[in-house]
Amino acid sequence: MKKNLTVLFMLSIWFLFFTANSVLAADINLAQKSTLESILKKGELRVGFEAGYMPFEMTDKNGNFVGFDIDIAKEMAKAMGVKFVPVNTAWDGIIPSLITDKFDIIMSGMTVTQDRNLKVSFADPYIIVGQTILLNKKHEGKILSYKDLNDAKYIVTSKLGTTGESAVKNKIPKAVYKSFETETEGALEVINGKADAFVYDLPYCVVFMANQGEGKVVFLDQPFTFEPLAWAINKGDPDLLNFLNNFLRQLKNDGRYDVIYNKWIKSTDWIKNVQ
């Protein structure tokens, strides 16, 4: 009986040993396949974004990419010890481009949605925004919230394929909706009297007001949606996700995040350099 117990005990030990080794090997293989390893080997961080979403990513007068996301991307590349490589990409193809390895990460003011999360993995949110409204002057004092726009007599604009568009369709379904390829086109439609309201992210609307909207449109600046923005990476990459969340935590607690936030979100001094 004792002999049988001893044999069973030894077999259990061997089983645990080989199982542990298999798990360890699997973990090592997963780590080696991580995009993080690829970034370090190539010595460059390829960042995908669509220039034109003020103040997150834009082109200045000298043709350089600048903005809130760009500054953070540069800090990220510095933390990795690699070169920052910007990859300007059309918004409607930005997730397919990530999946097909055109770049390593999306840093482009992307809102976390359940639909997108089925295709990509998101790091922790780095900023919270929401949809706001730029209103035609003729409605000043009459339309006070998005609810007042929910009528077929109103024309509401936003940018194609964005959460602004989703907000209009879901929260203002009775209004006539017109989509545009760019944010500026949608907002100018209101200034030109061809639409009643433009729905878009708070930071962009703040910038548009300071840049072109003062005295021309009414800004309903209370967000009516909750939208966390986050960086997106390919699914199945826990090592890169772990790095990104730790990087963000460090950035927010050592003062660098506040400097970048104040420069691009709180201030509009940068506008003169991008026109």
Protein backbone atom coordinates (compact mmCIF):
# COMPACT_ATOMS: atom_id res chain seq x y z
CA MET A 1 0.00 0.00 0.00
CA LYS A 2 2.84 2.33 0.97
CA LYS A 3 4.61 1.56 -2.28
CA ASN A 4 1.49 2.41 -4.29
CA LEU A 5 1.10 5.74 -2.46
CA THR A 6 4.75 6.55 -3.13
CA VAL A 7 4.32 5.83 -6.84
CA LEU A 8 1.18 7.98 -6.98
CA PHE A 9 2.97 10.80 -5.18
CA MET A 10 5.94 10.69 -7.59
CA LEU A 11 3.61 10.64 -10.60
CA SER A 12 1.79 13.68 -9.21
CA ILE A 13 5.08 15.54 -8.78
CA TRP A 14 6.14 14.75 -12.36
CA PHE A 15 2.73 15.80 -13.66
CA LEU A 16 2.93 19.14 -11.85
CA PHE A 17 6.51 19.65 -13.06
CA PHE A 18 5.67 19.08 -16.72
CA THR A 19 2.44 21.12 -16.47
CA ALA A 20 4.34 24.04 -14.93
CA ASN A 21 6.98 23.83 -17.64
CA SER A 22 4.31 23.78 -20.35
CA VAL A 23 2.60 26.84 -18.88
CA LEU A 24 5.95 28.62 -18.55
CA ALA A 25 6.79 27.82 -22.17
CA ALA A 26 3.40 29.11 -23.28
CA ASP A 27 3.92 32.34 -21.32
CA ILE A 28 7.36 32.83 -22.86
CA ASN A 29 5.96 32.27 -26.35
CA LEU A 30 3.17 34.78 -25.69
CA ALA A 31 5.68 37.35 -24.46
CA GLN A 32 7.91 36.81 -27.49
CA LYS A 33 4.94 37.38 -29.82
CA SER A 34 3.96 40.64 -28.11
CA THR A 35 3.97 43.82 -30.18
CA LEU A 36 6.06 45.27 -27.36
CA GLU A 37 8.92 42.93 -28.30
CA SER A 38 8.55 43.90 -31.96
CA ILE A 39 8.67 47.61 -31.08
CA LEU A 40 11.85 47.15 -29.04
CA LYS A 41 13.54 45.05 -31.74
CA LYS A 42 12.71 47.53 -34.53
CA GLY A 43 13.57 50.49 -32.33
CA GLU A 44 10.43 52.39 -33.33
CA LEU A 45 6.88 52.95 -32.12
CA ARG A 46 4.48 53.32 -35.07
CA VAL A 47 1.50 55.39 -33.95
CA GLY A 48 -1.70 55.49 -36.02
CA PHE A 49 -3.98 58.55 -35.95
CA GLU A 50 -6.03 60.81 -38.18
CA ALA A 51 -4.66 64.35 -38.25
CA GLY A 52 -7.40 66.95 -38.07
CA TYR A 53 -9.07 66.15 -34.75
CA MET A 54 -8.23 69.28 -32.79
CA PRO A 55 -6.62 69.49 -30.28
CA PHE A 56 -5.58 65.83 -30.26
CA GLU A 57 -3.75 65.47 -33.59
CA MET A 58 -3.17 68.19 -36.19
CA THR A 59 -0.63 69.49 -38.65
CA ASP A 60 1.12 72.78 -37.90
CA LYS A 61 2.20 75.44 -40.39
CA ASN A 62 5.48 73.61 -41.00
CA GLY A 63 3.78 70.31 -41.78
CA ASN A 64 4.63 68.71 -38.40
CA PHE A 65 2.13 66.57 -36.53
CA VAL A 66 1.23 68.19 -33.21
CA GLY A 67 -1.40 67.85 -30.50
CA PHE A 68 -2.38 66.25 -27.21
CA ASP A 69 -2.08 62.66 -28.47
CA ILE A 70 1.13 63.42 -30.35
CA ASP A 71 2.89 64.76 -27.24
CA ILE A 72 1.82 61.72 -25.22
CA ALA A 73 2.95 59.38 -28.02
CA LYS A 74 6.39 61.02 -27.98
CA GLU A 75 6.60 60.51 -24.22
CA MET A 76 5.61 56.87 -24.70
CA ALA A 77 8.31 56.31 -27.32
CA LYS A 78 10.85 57.96 -25.01
CA ALA A 79 9.81 55.64 -22.16
CA MET A 80 10.36 52.66 -24.48
CA GLY A 81 13.69 54.02 -25.67
CA VAL A 82 12.59 53.94 -29.31
CA LYS A 83 11.85 56.37 -32.16
CA PHE A 84 8.37 57.88 -32.56
CA VAL A 85 6.98 57.15 -36.04
CA PRO A 86 3.70 58.93 -36.91
CA VAL A 87 1.32 57.18 -39.33
CA ASN A 88 -1.50 59.46 -40.52
CA THR A 89 -4.50 57.30 -41.48
CA ALA A 90 -8.07 57.88 -42.64
CA TRP A 91 -10.47 57.35 -39.75
CA ASP A 92 -12.73 54.84 -41.50
CA GLY A 93 -9.78 52.51 -42.05
CA ILE A 94 -7.90 53.03 -38.80
CA ILE A 95 -8.90 49.78 -37.05
CA PRO A 96 -8.34 47.58 -40.14
CA SER A 97 -4.93 49.25 -40.52
CA LEU A 98 -4.01 48.34 -36.94
CA ILE A 99 -5.14 44.75 -37.45
CA THR A 100 -3.07 44.44 -40.66
CA ASP A 101 0.08 45.78 -38.91
CA LYS A 102 0.29 49.20 -40.56
CA PHE A 103 1.18 50.53 -37.09
CA ASP A 104 1.48 49.31 -33.49
CA ILE A 105 -1.12 51.38 -31.65
CA ILE A 106 -4.02 53.76 -32.28
CA MET A 107 -3.64 57.05 -30.41
CA SER A 108 -6.31 59.17 -32.07
CA GLY A 109 -8.92 60.32 -29.57
CA MET A 110 -10.76 57.01 -29.95
CA THR A 111 -13.81 56.51 -27.75
CA VAL A 112 -14.14 53.12 -26.09
CA THR A 113 -17.27 51.43 -27.44
CA GLN A 114 -18.49 47.84 -27.13
CA ASP A 115 -18.45 47.42 -30.91
CA ARG A 116 -14.83 48.57 -31.21
CA ASN A 117 -13.86 46.48 -28.21
CA LEU A 118 -14.89 43.36 -30.13
CA LYS A 119 -12.14 44.14 -32.65
CA VAL A 120 -9.37 45.68 -30.53
CA SER A 121 -8.19 45.86 -26.93
CA PHE A 122 -8.25 49.18 -25.09
CA ALA A 123 -5.87 50.43 -22.43
CA ASP A 124 -7.29 52.36 -19.47
CA PRO A 125 -8.93 55.67 -20.52
CA TYR A 126 -6.54 58.62 -20.59
CA ILE A 127 -9.23 61.32 -20.77
CA ILE A 128 -13.02 61.51 -20.46
CA VAL A 129 -15.01 63.59 -22.95
CA GLY A 130 -18.62 63.76 -24.10
CA GLN A 131 -20.79 65.08 -26.92
CA THR A 132 -21.72 68.77 -26.92
CA ILE A 133 -23.67 71.01 -29.30
CA LEU A 134 -22.87 73.99 -31.51
CA LEU A 135 -26.21 75.66 -32.20
CA ASN A 136 -27.35 78.05 -34.91
CA LYS A 137 -27.74 81.55 -33.41
CA LYS A 138 -31.42 81.72 -34.36
CA HIS A 139 -32.15 79.05 -31.73
CA GLU A 140 -30.45 80.89 -28.85
CA GLY A 141 -32.57 80.64 -25.70
CA LYS A 142 -35.06 78.31 -27.39
CA ILE A 143 -33.09 75.09 -27.66
CA LEU A 144 -31.43 74.31 -24.33
CA SER A 145 -30.41 70.65 -24.69
CA TYR A 146 -30.16 67.78 -27.15
CA LYS A 147 -33.71 66.76 -26.21
CA ASP A 148 -35.09 69.94 -27.76
CA LEU A 149 -33.52 68.97 -31.11
CA ASN A 150 -35.40 65.68 -31.32
CA ASP A 151 -37.80 66.88 -33.99
CA ALA A 152 -38.01 66.30 -37.75
CA LYS A 153 -37.93 70.06 -38.36
CA TYR A 154 -34.28 70.24 -37.25
CA ILE A 155 -31.16 69.32 -39.23
CA VAL A 156 -28.28 68.02 -37.11
CA THR A 157 -24.74 67.33 -38.37
CA SER A 158 -21.70 65.39 -37.20
CA LYS A 159 -18.72 63.50 -38.59
CA LEU A 160 -19.15 60.18 -40.37
CA GLY A 161 -18.31 57.08 -38.32
CA THR A 162 -17.86 58.85 -34.97
CA THR A 163 -19.55 58.71 -31.59
CA GLY A 164 -21.01 62.12 -32.47
CA GLU A 165 -22.90 60.42 -35.27
CA SER A 166 -23.98 57.61 -32.91
CA ALA A 167 -25.19 60.14 -30.34
CA VAL A 168 -27.37 61.89 -32.93
CA LYS A 169 -28.87 58.62 -34.18
CA ASN A 170 -29.48 57.22 -30.70
CA LYS A 171 -30.47 60.30 -28.71
CA ILE A 172 -31.90 62.61 -31.39
CA PRO A 173 -33.46 60.06 -33.77
CA LYS A 174 -36.30 62.25 -35.03
CA ALA A 175 -33.99 65.00 -36.34
CA VAL A 176 -32.78 64.97 -39.94
CA TYR A 177 -29.17 63.82 -39.79
CA LYS A 178 -26.40 64.90 -42.21
CA SER A 179 -22.93 63.36 -41.97
CA PHE A 180 -19.66 64.89 -43.16
CA GLU A 181 -16.16 63.60 -43.82
CA THR A 182 -14.61 66.17 -41.46
CA GLU A 183 -15.62 67.89 -38.23
CA THR A 184 -15.07 71.34 -39.74
CA GLU A 185 -17.51 70.71 -42.59
CA GLY A 186 -20.21 69.70 -40.14
CA ALA A 187 -19.69 72.74 -37.90
CA LEU A 188 -19.54 75.18 -40.82
CA GLU A 189 -22.89 73.86 -42.04
CA VAL A 190 -24.38 75.39 -38.87
CA ILE A 191 -22.53 78.71 -39.25
CA ASN A 192 -23.68 78.93 -42.87
CA GLY A 193 -27.30 78.41 -41.83
CA LYS A 194 -27.70 75.06 -43.60
CA ALA A 195 -28.12 73.10 -40.37
CA ASP A 196 -29.54 73.77 -36.92
CA ALA A 197 -26.92 72.04 -34.79
CA PHE A 198 -23.57 70.25 -34.86
CA VAL A 199 -22.89 67.46 -32.35
CA TYR A 200 -19.31 66.57 -31.46
CA ASP A 201 -16.73 65.98 -28.72
CA LEU A 202 -16.30 68.72 -26.11
CA PRO A 203 -12.57 69.44 -26.75
CA TYR A 204 -13.13 69.94 -30.48
CA CYS A 205 -16.12 72.22 -29.94
CA VAL A 206 -14.13 74.32 -27.44
CA VAL A 207 -11.42 74.79 -30.05
CA PHE A 208 -13.89 75.54 -32.85
CA MET A 209 -15.59 78.20 -30.72
CA ALA A 210 -12.28 79.90 -29.99
CA ASN A 211 -11.18 79.62 -33.60
CA GLN A 212 -14.26 80.26 -35.75
CA GLY A 213 -17.47 80.13 -33.74
CA GLU A 214 -17.35 83.12 -31.39
CA GLY A 215 -20.46 85.24 -31.96
CA LYS A 216 -21.60 82.96 -34.80
CA VAL A 217 -22.96 79.93 -32.95
CA VAL A 218 -24.27 79.12 -29.48
CA PHE A 219 -22.22 76.58 -27.53
CA LEU A 220 -24.21 74.15 -25.35
CA ASP A 221 -21.11 72.99 -23.50
CA GLN A 222 -22.64 70.51 -21.05
CA PRO A 223 -21.77 67.00 -22.36
CA PHE A 224 -24.79 64.74 -22.74
CA THR A 225 -22.81 61.50 -23.16
CA PHE A 226 -20.02 59.82 -21.20
CA GLU A 227 -17.11 58.92 -23.45
CA PRO A 228 -13.76 57.60 -22.25
CA LEU A 229 -10.96 57.92 -24.81
CA ALA A 230 -8.30 55.21 -24.82
CA TRP A 231 -5.42 53.78 -26.85
CA ALA A 232 -6.24 50.72 -28.95
CA ILE A 233 -4.00 47.74 -29.70
CA ASN A 234 -4.47 44.33 -31.29
CA LYS A 235 -6.24 41.73 -29.19
CA GLY A 236 -4.32 39.02 -27.33
CA ASP A 237 -1.38 41.17 -26.19
CA PRO A 238 -1.36 41.35 -22.36
CA ASP A 239 2.29 42.47 -22.18
CA LEU A 240 1.76 45.61 -24.26
CA LEU A 241 -1.50 46.33 -22.42
CA ASN A 242 0.32 46.03 -19.09
CA PHE A 243 3.02 48.45 -20.26
CA LEU A 244 0.48 51.00 -21.50
CA ASN A 245 -1.51 51.04 -18.26
CA ASN A 246 1.62 51.40 -16.16
CA PHE A 247 2.96 54.12 -18.47
CA LEU A 248 -0.32 56.04 -18.16
CA ARG A 249 -0.28 55.72 -14.37
CA GLN A 250 3.27 57.08 -14.25
CA LEU A 251 2.49 59.89 -16.71
CA LYS A 252 -0.50 61.05 -14.67
CA ASN A 253 1.37 61.01 -11.37
CA ASP A 254 4.71 62.61 -12.22
CA GLY A 255 3.33 65.88 -13.62
CA ARG A 256 3.90 65.28 -17.34
CA TYR A 257 0.22 64.62 -18.08
CA ASP A 258 -0.83 67.91 -16.47
CA VAL A 259 1.69 69.85 -18.56
CA ILE A 260 0.38 68.29 -21.79
CA TYR A 261 -3.26 68.69 -20.71
CA ASN A 262 -2.83 72.37 -19.87
CA LYS A 263 -1.00 73.01 -23.15
CA TRP A 264 -3.60 71.47 -25.47
CA ILE A 265 -6.92 71.22 -23.59
CA LYS A 266 -7.01 74.20 -21.22
CA SER A 267 -5.21 76.64 -23.50
CA THR A 268 -5.93 77.68 -27.10
CA ASP A 269 -2.60 79.48 -27.61
CA TRP A 270 -1.53 76.74 -30.04
CA ILE A 271 -4.23 77.67 -32.58
CA LYS A 272 -2.09 80.37 -34.21
CA ASN A 273 0.53 77.73 -35.06
CA VAL A 274 -1.85 75.42 -36.92
CA GLN A 275 -3.57 77.95 -39.20
